[in-house]
């Protein structure tokens, strides 16, 4: 069984690394030298984070995915704002869902 979490990939301006955060798991912030490395690091960080929840007898947080709404910007033209949690997703960021093995009994 797997759990699915949404992560946001943000490339560094100089392309030296990709930063990853998981909005459903506020303590999960990690990075990798490229997209594949960053996603592997995110899977590991999420698995360890979920292990901490299980050790404390807490339920694993639920991922709520993307929320999209239409907003009016200064030009009075409708614009789509994609949000994960409270922060908007910028054009340079990529939103990806990843599967993480669920712990037995979690």
PDB file of N, CA and C in Angstrom:
ATOM      1  N   UNK A   1       0.842  -1.182   0.000  1.00  0.00           N
ATOM      2  CA  UNK A   1       0.000   0.000   0.000  1.00  0.00           C
ATOM      3  C   UNK A   1       0.893   1.253   0.000  1.00  0.00           C
ATOM      4  N   UNK A   2       0.442   2.256  -0.700  1.00  0.00           N
ATOM      5  CA  UNK A   2       1.201   3.505  -0.800  1.00  0.00           C
ATOM      6  C   UNK A   2       0.331   4.683  -0.388  1.00  0.00           C
ATOM      7  N   UNK A   3       0.977   5.730   0.051  1.00  0.00           N
ATOM      8  CA  UNK A   3       0.313   7.012   0.291  1.00  0.00           C
ATOM      9  C   UNK A   3       0.796   7.954  -0.790  1.00  0.00           C
ATOM     10  N   UNK A   4      -0.085   8.843  -1.218  1.00  0.00           N
ATOM     11  CA  UNK A   4       0.276   9.789  -2.273  1.00  0.00           C
ATOM     12  C   UNK A   4       0.322  11.195  -1.675  1.00  0.00           C
ATOM     13  N   UNK A   5       1.420  11.904  -1.942  1.00  0.00           N
ATOM     14  CA  UNK A   5       1.579  13.280  -1.477  1.00  0.00           C
ATOM     15  C   UNK A   5       1.989  14.178  -2.630  1.00  0.00           C
ATOM     16  N   UNK A   6       1.483  15.399  -2.590  1.00  0.00           N
ATOM     17  CA  UNK A   6       1.840  16.406  -3.572  1.00  0.00           C
ATOM     18  C   UNK A   6       3.082  17.137  -3.077  1.00  0.00           C
ATOM     19  N   UNK A   7       4.042  17.336  -3.957  1.00  0.00           N
ATOM     20  CA  UNK A   7       5.248  18.087  -3.613  1.00  0.00           C
ATOM     21  C   UNK A   7       5.440  19.198  -4.645  1.00  0.00           C
ATOM     22  N   UNK A   8       6.117  20.245  -4.225  1.00  0.00           N
ATOM     23  CA  UNK A   8       6.422  21.362  -5.114  1.00  0.00           C
ATOM     24  C   UNK A   8       7.932  21.399  -5.337  1.00  0.00           C
ATOM     25  N   UNK A   9       8.323  21.363  -6.608  1.00  0.00           N
ATOM     26  CA  UNK A   9       9.733  21.424  -6.988  1.00  0.00           C
ATOM     27  C   UNK A   9      10.049  22.848  -7.428  1.00  0.00           C
ATOM     28  N   UNK A  10      11.049  23.444  -6.799  1.00  0.00           N
ATOM     29  CA  UNK A  10      11.455  24.803  -7.149  1.00  0.00           C
ATOM     30  C   UNK A  10      12.933  24.794  -7.540  1.00  0.00           C
ATOM     31  N   UNK A  11      13.240  25.055  -8.811  1.00  0.00           N
ATOM     32  CA  UNK A  11      14.652  25.080  -9.217  1.00  0.00           C
ATOM     33  C   UNK A  11      15.358  26.316  -8.674  1.00  0.00           C
ATOM     34  N   UNK A  12      16.606  26.148  -8.295  1.00  0.00           N
ATOM     35  CA  UNK A  12      17.427  27.286  -7.894  1.00  0.00           C
ATOM     36  C   UNK A  12      17.662  28.151  -9.141  1.00  0.00           C
ATOM     37  N   UNK A  13      17.783  29.460  -8.975  1.00  0.00           N
ATOM     38  CA  UNK A  13      17.995  30.333 -10.140  1.00  0.00           C
ATOM     39  C   UNK A  13      19.198  29.946 -11.003  1.00  0.00           C
ATOM     40  N   UNK A  14      20.246  29.425 -10.396  1.00  0.00           N
ATOM     41  CA  UNK A  14      21.429  29.046 -11.170  1.00  0.00           C
ATOM     42  C   UNK A  14      21.399  27.576 -11.613  1.00  0.00           C
ATOM     43  N   UNK A  15      20.268  26.915 -11.405  1.00  0.00           N
ATOM     44  CA  UNK A  15      20.061  25.507 -11.794  1.00  0.00           C
ATOM     45  C   UNK A  15      20.990  24.536 -11.073  1.00  0.00           C
ATOM     46  N   UNK A  16      21.525  24.937  -9.927  1.00  0.00           N
ATOM     47  CA  UNK A  16      22.435  24.072  -9.189  1.00  0.00           C
ATOM     48  C   UNK A  16      21.711  23.019  -8.356  1.00  0.00           C
ATOM     49  N   UNK A  17      20.424  23.236  -8.082  1.00  0.00           N
ATOM     50  CA  UNK A  17      19.670  22.310  -7.241  1.00  0.00           C
ATOM     51  C   UNK A  17      18.179  22.523  -7.455  1.00  0.00           C
ATOM     52  N   UNK A  18      17.420  21.544  -6.987  1.00  0.00           N
ATOM     53  CA  UNK A  18      15.964  21.634  -6.991  1.00  0.00           C
ATOM     54  C   UNK A  18      15.497  21.474  -5.552  1.00  0.00           C
ATOM     55  N   UNK A  19      14.760  22.455  -5.060  1.00  0.00           N
ATOM     56  CA  UNK A  19      14.239  22.444  -3.697  1.00  0.00           C
ATOM     57  C   UNK A  19      12.863  21.795  -3.717  1.00  0.00           C
ATOM     58  N   UNK A  20      12.560  20.973  -2.716  1.00  0.00           N
ATOM     59  CA  UNK A  20      11.277  20.284  -2.651  1.00  0.00           C
ATOM     60  C   UNK A  20      10.621  20.567  -1.306  1.00  0.00           C
ATOM     61  N   UNK A  21       9.310  20.852  -1.353  1.00  0.00           N
ATOM     62  CA  UNK A  21       8.537  20.946  -0.116  1.00  0.00           C
ATOM     63  C   UNK A  21       7.239  20.192  -0.308  1.00  0.00           C
ATOM     64  N   UNK A  22       6.712  19.662   0.789  1.00  0.00           N
ATOM     65  CA  UNK A  22       5.455  18.916   0.778  1.00  0.00           C
ATOM     66  C   UNK A  22       4.462  19.681   1.644  1.00  0.00           C
ATOM     67  N   UNK A  23       3.526  20.416   1.036  1.00  0.00           N
ATOM     68  CA  UNK A  23       2.604  21.248   1.805  1.00  0.00           C
ATOM     69  C   UNK A  23       1.797  20.502   2.868  1.00  0.00           C
ATOM     70  N   UNK A  24       1.453  19.242   2.633  1.00  0.00           N
ATOM     71  CA  UNK A  24       0.679  18.484   3.621  1.00  0.00           C
ATOM     72  C   UNK A  24       1.522  18.101   4.834  1.00  0.00           C
ATOM     73  N   UNK A  25       2.837  18.173   4.674  1.00  0.00           N
ATOM     74  CA  UNK A  25       3.774  17.806   5.739  1.00  0.00           C
ATOM     75  C   UNK A  25       4.721  18.984   5.951  1.00  0.00           C
ATOM     76  N   UNK A  26       4.329  19.959   6.768  1.00  0.00           N
ATOM     77  CA  UNK A  26       5.111  21.197   6.905  1.00  0.00           C
ATOM     78  C   UNK A  26       6.582  21.009   7.277  1.00  0.00           C
ATOM     79  N   UNK A  27       6.944  19.920   7.886  1.00  0.00           N
ATOM     80  CA  UNK A  27       8.340  19.705   8.264  1.00  0.00           C
ATOM     81  C   UNK A  27       9.197  19.122   7.160  1.00  0.00           C
ATOM     82  N   UNK A  28       8.618  18.843   6.015  1.00  0.00           N
ATOM     83  CA  UNK A  28       9.373  18.209   4.926  1.00  0.00           C
ATOM     84  C   UNK A  28       9.845  19.257   3.923  1.00  0.00           C
ATOM     85  N   UNK A  29      11.141  19.517   3.964  1.00  0.00           N
ATOM     86  CA  UNK A  29      11.835  20.386   3.003  1.00  0.00           C
ATOM     87  C   UNK A  29      13.137  19.670   2.684  1.00  0.00           C
ATOM     88  N   UNK A  30      13.405  19.473   1.416  1.00  0.00           N
ATOM     89  CA  UNK A  30      14.627  18.780   1.029  1.00  0.00           C
ATOM     90  C   UNK A  30      15.065  19.288  -0.343  1.00  0.00           C
ATOM     91  N   UNK A  31      16.098  18.701  -0.901  1.00  0.00           N
ATOM     92  CA  UNK A  31      16.613  19.162  -2.182  1.00  0.00           C
ATOM     93  C   UNK A  31      17.356  18.038  -2.871  1.00  0.00           C
ATOM     94  N   UNK A  32      17.673  18.269  -4.142  1.00  0.00           N
ATOM     95  CA  UNK A  32      18.489  17.348  -4.916  1.00  0.00           C
ATOM     96  C   UNK A  32      19.185  18.109  -6.025  1.00  0.00           C
ATOM     97  N   UNK A  33      20.204  17.515  -6.616  1.00  0.00           N
ATOM     98  CA  UNK A  33      20.954  18.183  -7.688  1.00  0.00           C
ATOM     99  C   UNK A  33      20.142  18.288  -8.980  1.00  0.00           C
ATOM    100  N   UNK A  34      19.188  17.416  -9.162  1.00  0.00           N
ATOM    101  CA  UNK A  34      18.295  17.438 -10.326  1.00  0.00           C
ATOM    102  C   UNK A  34      16.923  16.971  -9.887  1.00  0.00           C
ATOM    103  N   UNK A  35      15.979  16.918 -10.828  1.00  0.00           N
ATOM    104  CA  UNK A  35      14.610  16.540 -10.496  1.00  0.00           C
ATOM    105  C   UNK A  35      14.528  15.123  -9.909  1.00  0.00           C
ATOM    106  N   UNK A  36      15.188  14.159 -10.547  1.00  0.00           N
ATOM    107  CA  UNK A  36      15.141  12.770 -10.074  1.00  0.00           C
ATOM    108  C   UNK A  36      15.723  12.642  -8.670  1.00  0.00           C
ATOM    109  N   UNK A  37      16.857  13.292  -8.446  1.00  0.00           N
ATOM    110  CA  UNK A  37      17.501  13.267  -7.129  1.00  0.00           C
ATOM    111  C   UNK A  37      16.613  13.937  -6.079  1.00  0.00           C
ATOM    112  N   UNK A  38      15.983  15.046  -6.445  1.00  0.00           N
ATOM    113  CA  UNK A  38      15.110  15.756  -5.512  1.00  0.00           C
ATOM    114  C   UNK A  38      13.889  14.919  -5.156  1.00  0.00           C
ATOM    115  N   UNK A  39      13.302  14.230  -6.145  1.00  0.00           N
ATOM    116  CA  UNK A  39      12.138  13.386  -5.868  1.00  0.00           C
ATOM    117  C   UNK A  39      12.502  12.188  -4.992  1.00  0.00           C
ATOM    118  N   UNK A  40      13.670  11.605  -5.229  1.00  0.00           N
ATOM    119  CA  UNK A  40      14.121  10.488  -4.387  1.00  0.00           C
ATOM    120  C   UNK A  40      14.322  10.969  -2.953  1.00  0.00           C
ATOM    121  N   UNK A  41      14.920  12.126  -2.799  1.00  0.00           N
ATOM    122  CA  UNK A  41      15.133  12.706  -1.474  1.00  0.00           C
ATOM    123  C   UNK A  41      13.797  13.012  -0.803  1.00  0.00           C
ATOM    124  N   UNK A  42      12.825  13.494  -1.586  1.00  0.00           N
ATOM    125  CA  UNK A  42      11.497  13.801  -1.034  1.00  0.00           C
ATOM    126  C   UNK A  42      10.801  12.538  -0.549  1.00  0.00           C
ATOM    127  N   UNK A  43      10.894  11.457  -1.324  1.00  0.00           N
ATOM    128  CA  UNK A  43      10.276  10.192  -0.896  1.00  0.00           C
ATOM    129  C   UNK A  43      10.856   9.740   0.442  1.00  0.00           C
ATOM    130  N   UNK A  44      12.170   9.824   0.557  1.00  0.00           N
ATOM    131  CA  UNK A  44      12.833   9.411   1.799  1.00  0.00           C
ATOM    132  C   UNK A  44      12.427  10.316   2.961  1.00  0.00           C
ATOM    133  N   UNK A  45      12.413  11.628   2.732  1.00  0.00           N
ATOM    134  CA  UNK A  45      12.046  12.569   3.797  1.00  0.00           C
ATOM    135  C   UNK A  45      10.595  12.368   4.243  1.00  0.00           C
ATOM    136  N   UNK A  46       9.699  12.138   3.287  1.00  0.00           N
ATOM    137  CA  UNK A  46       8.300  11.918   3.638  1.00  0.00           C
ATOM    138  C   UNK A  46       8.146  10.622   4.414  1.00  0.00           C
ATOM    139  N   UNK A  47       8.819   9.562   3.970  1.00  0.00           N
ATOM    140  CA  UNK A  47       8.744   8.284   4.680  1.00  0.00           C
ATOM    141  C   UNK A  47       9.228   8.423   6.129  1.00  0.00           C
ATOM    142  N   UNK A  48      10.330   9.137   6.334  1.00  0.00           N
ATOM    143  CA  UNK A  48      10.838   9.346   7.695  1.00  0.00           C
ATOM    144  C   UNK A  48       9.877  10.200   8.517  1.00  0.00           C
ATOM    145  N   UNK A  49       9.283  11.193   7.897  1.00  0.00           N
ATOM    146  CA  UNK A  49       8.325  12.057   8.585  1.00  0.00           C
ATOM    147  C   UNK A  49       7.100  11.242   9.024  1.00  0.00           C
ATOM    148  N   UNK A  50       6.605  10.388   8.129  1.00  0.00           N
ATOM    149  CA  UNK A  50       5.457   9.538   8.453  1.00  0.00           C
ATOM    150  C   UNK A  50       5.789   8.525   9.537  1.00  0.00           C
ATOM    151  N   UNK A  51       7.024   8.063   9.536  1.00  0.00           N
ATOM    152  CA  UNK A  51       7.479   7.144  10.585  1.00  0.00           C
ATOM    153  C   UNK A  51       7.388   7.811  11.953  1.00  0.00           C
ATOM    154  N   UNK A  52       7.728   9.102  12.018  1.00  0.00           N
ATOM    155  CA  UNK A  52       7.627   9.854  13.265  1.00  0.00           C
ATOM    156  C   UNK A  52       6.182   9.958  13.748  1.00  0.00           C
ATOM    157  N   UNK A  53       5.255  10.177  12.812  1.00  0.00           N
ATOM    158  CA  UNK A  53       3.838  10.211  13.177  1.00  0.00           C
ATOM    159  C   UNK A  53       3.413   8.862  13.758  1.00  0.00           C
ATOM    160  N   UNK A  54       3.814   7.765  13.079  1.00  0.00           N
ATOM    161  CA  UNK A  54       3.443   6.424  13.525  1.00  0.00           C
ATOM    162  C   UNK A  54       4.013   6.114  14.908  1.00  0.00           C
ATOM    163  N   UNK A  55       5.263   6.509  15.153  1.00  0.00           N
ATOM    164  CA  UNK A  55       5.889   6.260  16.460  1.00  0.00           C
ATOM    165  C   UNK A  55       5.157   6.972  17.585  1.00  0.00           C
ATOM    166  N   UNK A  56       4.562   8.120  17.279  1.00  0.00           N
ATOM    167  CA  UNK A  56       3.820   8.868  18.304  1.00  0.00           C
ATOM    168  C   UNK A  56       2.349   8.478  18.355  1.00  0.00           C
ATOM    169  N   UNK A  57       1.945   7.522  17.516  1.00  0.00           N
ATOM    170  CA  UNK A  57       0.565   7.078  17.489  1.00  0.00           C
ATOM    171  C   UNK A  57      -0.387   8.065  16.846  1.00  0.00           C
ATOM    172  N   UNK A  58       0.142   8.944  15.992  1.00  0.00           N
ATOM    173  CA  UNK A  58      -0.676   9.956  15.321  1.00  0.00           C
ATOM    174  C   UNK A  58      -1.033   9.499  13.909  1.00  0.00           C
ATOM    175  N   UNK A  59      -2.201   9.899  13.405  1.00  0.00           N
ATOM    176  CA  UNK A  59      -2.542   9.543  12.029  1.00  0.00           C
ATOM    177  C   UNK A  59      -1.681  10.348  11.042  1.00  0.00           C
ATOM    178  N   UNK A  60      -1.399   9.743   9.925  1.00  0.00           N
ATOM    179  CA  UNK A  60      -0.631  10.435   8.887  1.00  0.00           C
ATOM    180  C   UNK A  60      -1.486  11.551   8.293  1.00  0.00           C
ATOM    181  N   UNK A  61      -0.898  12.723   8.049  1.00  0.00           N
ATOM    182  CA  UNK A  61      -1.645  13.824   7.435  1.00  0.00           C
ATOM    183  C   UNK A  61      -2.169  13.441   6.054  1.00  0.00           C
ATOM    184  N   UNK A  62      -3.300  13.996   5.709  1.00  0.00           N
ATOM    185  CA  UNK A  62      -3.911  13.760   4.407  1.00  0.00           C
ATOM    186  C   UNK A  62      -3.474  14.854   3.439  1.00  0.00           C
ATOM    187  N   UNK A  63      -3.155  14.442   2.231  1.00  0.00           N
ATOM    188  CA  UNK A  63      -2.799  15.401   1.193  1.00  0.00           C
ATOM    189  C   UNK A  63      -4.081  15.880   0.529  1.00  0.00           C
ATOM    190  N   UNK A  64      -4.238  17.200   0.414  1.00  0.00           N
ATOM    191  CA  UNK A  64      -5.442  17.756  -0.185  1.00  0.00           C
ATOM    192  C   UNK A  64      -5.228  18.211  -1.619  1.00  0.00           C
ATOM    193  N   UNK A  65      -4.034  18.074  -2.139  1.00  0.00           N
ATOM    194  CA  UNK A  65      -3.759  18.397  -3.535  1.00  0.00           C
ATOM    195  C   UNK A  65      -3.873  19.872  -3.871  1.00  0.00           C
ATOM    196  N   UNK A  66      -4.133  20.145  -5.119  1.00  0.00           N
ATOM    197  CA  UNK A  66      -4.195  21.519  -5.632  1.00  0.00           C
ATOM    198  C   UNK A  66      -5.565  22.131  -5.439  1.00  0.00           C
ATOM    199  N   UNK A  67      -5.566  23.430  -5.240  1.00  0.00           N
ATOM    200  CA  UNK A  67      -6.801  24.209  -5.240  1.00  0.00           C
ATOM    201  C   UNK A  67      -6.596  25.329  -6.248  1.00  0.00           C
ATOM    202  N   UNK A  68      -7.493  25.454  -7.180  1.00  0.00           N
ATOM    203  CA  UNK A  68      -7.391  26.494  -8.202  1.00  0.00           C
ATOM    204  C   UNK A  68      -8.583  27.423  -8.086  1.00  0.00           C
ATOM    205  N   UNK A  69      -8.341  28.722  -8.224  1.00  0.00           N
ATOM    206  CA  UNK A  69      -9.434  29.686  -8.202  1.00  0.00           C
ATOM    207  C   UNK A  69      -9.137  30.768  -9.226  1.00  0.00           C
ATOM    208  N   UNK A  70     -10.164  31.474  -9.619  1.00  0.00           N
ATOM    209  CA  UNK A  70      -9.987  32.584 -10.557  1.00  0.00           C
ATOM    210  C   UNK A  70      -9.898  33.865  -9.748  1.00  0.00           C
ATOM    211  N   UNK A  71      -8.924  34.696 -10.067  1.00  0.00           N
ATOM    212  CA  UNK A  71      -8.727  35.957  -9.346  1.00  0.00           C
ATOM    213  C   UNK A  71      -8.647  37.086 -10.361  1.00  0.00           C
ATOM    214  N   UNK A  72      -8.960  38.276  -9.912  1.00  0.00           N
ATOM    215  CA  UNK A  72      -8.834  39.445 -10.762  1.00  0.00           C
ATOM    216  C   UNK A  72      -7.538  40.152 -10.388  1.00  0.00           C
ATOM    217  N   UNK A  73      -6.697  40.386 -11.375  1.00  0.00           N
ATOM    218  CA  UNK A  73      -5.417  41.044 -11.121  1.00  0.00           C
ATOM    219  C   UNK A  73      -5.535  42.521 -11.473  1.00  0.00           C
ATOM    220  N   UNK A  74      -4.476  43.280 -11.338  1.00  0.00           N
ATOM    221  CA  UNK A  74      -4.501  44.733 -11.525  1.00  0.00           C
ATOM    222  C   UNK A  74      -5.051  45.160 -12.883  1.00  0.00           C
ATOM    223  N   UNK A  75      -4.867  44.347 -13.905  1.00  0.00           N
ATOM    224  CA  UNK A  75      -5.367  44.709 -15.235  1.00  0.00           C
ATOM    225  C   UNK A  75      -6.851  44.387 -15.395  1.00  0.00           C
ATOM    226  N   UNK A  76      -7.470  43.869 -14.341  1.00  0.00           N
ATOM    227  CA  UNK A  76      -8.884  43.464 -14.351  1.00  0.00           C
ATOM    228  C   UNK A  76      -9.137  42.291 -15.282  1.00  0.00           C
ATOM    229  N   UNK A  77      -8.098  41.558 -15.611  1.00  0.00           N
ATOM    230  CA  UNK A  77      -8.254  40.350 -16.413  1.00  0.00           C
ATOM    231  C   UNK A  77      -8.256  39.151 -15.469  1.00  0.00           C
ATOM    232  N   UNK A  78      -9.129  38.174 -15.705  1.00  0.00           N
ATOM    233  CA  UNK A  78      -9.103  37.002 -14.832  1.00  0.00           C
ATOM    234  C   UNK A  78      -7.793  36.244 -15.007  1.00  0.00           C
ATOM    235  N   UNK A  79      -7.262  35.765 -13.928  1.00  0.00           N
ATOM    236  CA  UNK A  79      -6.023  34.986 -13.960  1.00  0.00           C
ATOM    237  C   UNK A  79      -6.220  33.771 -13.073  1.00  0.00           C
ATOM    238  N   UNK A  80      -5.653  32.675 -13.476  1.00  0.00           N
ATOM    239  CA  UNK A  80      -5.769  31.472 -12.664  1.00  0.00           C
ATOM    240  C   UNK A  80      -4.638  31.448 -11.642  1.00  0.00           C
ATOM    241  N   UNK A  81      -5.008  31.264 -10.402  1.00  0.00           N
ATOM    242  CA  UNK A  81      -4.014  31.117  -9.338  1.00  0.00           C
ATOM    243  C   UNK A  81      -4.117  29.697  -8.820  1.00  0.00           C
ATOM    244  N   UNK A  82      -3.026  28.977  -8.905  1.00  0.00           N
ATOM    245  CA  UNK A  82      -2.991  27.631  -8.370  1.00  0.00           C
ATOM    246  C   UNK A  82      -2.323  27.711  -7.015  1.00  0.00           C
ATOM    247  N   UNK A  83      -2.978  27.132  -6.025  1.00  0.00           N
ATOM    248  CA  UNK A  83      -2.461  27.213  -4.669  1.00  0.00           C
ATOM    249  C   UNK A  83      -2.340  25.826  -4.064  1.00  0.00           C
ATOM    250  N   UNK A  84      -1.313  25.659  -3.294  1.00  0.00           N
ATOM    251  CA  UNK A  84      -1.148  24.497  -2.438  1.00  0.00           C
ATOM    252  C   UNK A  84      -1.081  25.057  -1.039  1.00  0.00           C
ATOM    253  N   UNK A  85      -2.063  24.764  -0.251  1.00  0.00           N
ATOM    254  CA  UNK A  85      -2.099  25.354   1.076  1.00  0.00           C
ATOM    255  C   UNK A  85      -2.311  26.837   0.958  1.00  0.00           C
ATOM    256  N   UNK A  86      -1.472  27.624   1.567  1.00  0.00           N
ATOM    257  CA  UNK A  86      -1.627  29.075   1.581  1.00  0.00           C
ATOM    258  C   UNK A  86      -0.707  29.794   0.610  1.00  0.00           C
ATOM    259  N   UNK A  87       0.239  29.089   0.008  1.00  0.00           N
ATOM    260  CA  UNK A  87       1.208  29.738  -0.874  1.00  0.00           C
ATOM    261  C   UNK A  87       0.858  29.502  -2.335  1.00  0.00           C
ATOM    262  N   UNK A  88       0.944  30.538  -3.163  1.00  0.00           N
ATOM    263  CA  UNK A  88       0.716  30.322  -4.593  1.00  0.00           C
ATOM    264  C   UNK A  88       1.891  29.587  -5.224  1.00  0.00           C
ATOM    265  N   UNK A  89       1.620  28.897  -6.299  1.00  0.00           N
ATOM    266  CA  UNK A  89       2.664  28.202  -7.049  1.00  0.00           C
ATOM    267  C   UNK A  89       3.082  29.117  -8.186  1.00  0.00           C
ATOM    268  N   UNK A  90       4.367  29.404  -8.281  1.00  0.00           N
ATOM    269  CA  UNK A  90       4.875  30.313  -9.311  1.00  0.00           C
ATOM    270  C   UNK A  90       5.145  29.547 -10.609  1.00  0.00           C
ATOM    271  N   UNK A  91       5.272  30.261 -11.735  1.00  0.00           N
ATOM    272  CA  UNK A  91       5.511  29.585 -13.015  1.00  0.00           C
ATOM    273  C   UNK A  91       6.781  28.740 -13.061  1.00  0.00           C
ATOM    274  N   UNK A  92       7.796  29.083 -12.291  1.00  0.00           N
ATOM    275  CA  UNK A  92       9.038  28.303 -12.331  1.00  0.00           C
ATOM    276  C   UNK A  92       8.937  27.011 -11.527  1.00  0.00           C
ATOM    277  N   UNK A  93       7.913  26.878 -10.706  1.00  0.00           N
ATOM    278  CA  UNK A  93       7.762  25.689  -9.872  1.00  0.00           C
ATOM    279  C   UNK A  93       6.983  24.605 -10.609  1.00  0.00           C
ATOM    280  N   UNK A  94       7.210  23.365 -10.218  1.00  0.00           N
ATOM    281  CA  UNK A  94       6.471  22.232 -10.761  1.00  0.00           C
ATOM    282  C   UNK A  94       5.800  21.502  -9.606  1.00  0.00           C
ATOM    283  N   UNK A  95       4.551  21.117  -9.815  1.00  0.00           N
ATOM    284  CA  UNK A  95       3.792  20.382  -8.813  1.00  0.00           C
ATOM    285  C   UNK A  95       3.707  18.934  -9.276  1.00  0.00           C
ATOM    286  N   UNK A  96       4.089  18.017  -8.399  1.00  0.00           N
ATOM    287  CA  UNK A  96       4.150  16.599  -8.725  1.00  0.00           C
ATOM    288  C   UNK A  96       3.545  15.810  -7.571  1.00  0.00           C
ATOM    289  N   UNK A  97       2.885  14.709  -7.872  1.00  0.00           N
ATOM    290  CA  UNK A  97       2.459  13.809  -6.803  1.00  0.00           C
ATOM    291  C   UNK A  97       3.393  12.613  -6.814  1.00  0.00           C
ATOM    292  N   UNK A  98       3.776  12.177  -5.629  1.00  0.00           N
ATOM    293  CA  UNK A  98       4.662  11.033  -5.517  1.00  0.00           C
ATOM    294  C   UNK A  98       4.026  10.014  -4.589  1.00  0.00           C
ATOM    295  N   UNK A  99       4.336   8.756  -4.817  1.00  0.00           N
ATOM    296  CA  UNK A  99       3.872   7.672  -3.951  1.00  0.00           C
ATOM    297  C   UNK A  99       4.973   7.314  -2.973  1.00  0.00           C
ATOM    298  N   UNK A 100       4.562   7.134  -1.719  1.00  0.00           N
ATOM    299  CA  UNK A 100       5.491   6.761  -0.665  1.00  0.00           C
ATOM    300  C   UNK A 100       4.948   5.496  -0.021  1.00  0.00           C
ATOM    301  N   UNK A 101       5.771   4.473   0.146  1.00  0.00           N
ATOM    302  CA  UNK A 101       5.275   3.247   0.797  1.00  0.00           C
ATOM    303  C   UNK A 101       4.717   3.575   2.175  1.00  0.00           C
ATOM    304  N   UNK A 102       3.510   3.067   2.445  1.00  0.00           N
ATOM    305  CA  UNK A 102       2.896   3.270   3.767  1.00  0.00           C
ATOM    306  C   UNK A 102       3.502   2.262   4.740  1.00  0.00           C
ATOM    307  N   UNK A 103       3.644   2.694   5.963  1.00  0.00           N
ATOM    308  CA  UNK A 103       4.148   1.812   7.000  1.00  0.00           C
ATOM    309  C   UNK A 103       3.066   0.813   7.375  1.00  0.00           C
ATOM    310  N   UNK A 104       3.445  -0.384   7.724  1.00  0.00           N
ATOM    311  CA  UNK A 104       2.483  -1.383   8.140  1.00  0.00           C
ATOM    312  C   UNK A 104       1.825  -0.906   9.436  1.00  0.00           C
ATOM    313  N   UNK A 105       0.525  -0.913   9.450  1.00  0.00           N
ATOM    314  CA  UNK A 105      -0.210  -0.485  10.628  1.00  0.00           C
ATOM    315  C   UNK A 105      -0.444   1.010  10.669  1.00  0.00           C
ATOM    316  N   UNK A 106       0.079   1.765   9.701  1.00  0.00           N
ATOM    317  CA  UNK A 106      -0.104   3.221   9.690  1.00  0.00           C
ATOM    318  C   UNK A 106      -1.353   3.607   8.942  1.00  0.00           C
TER     319      UNK A 106
END
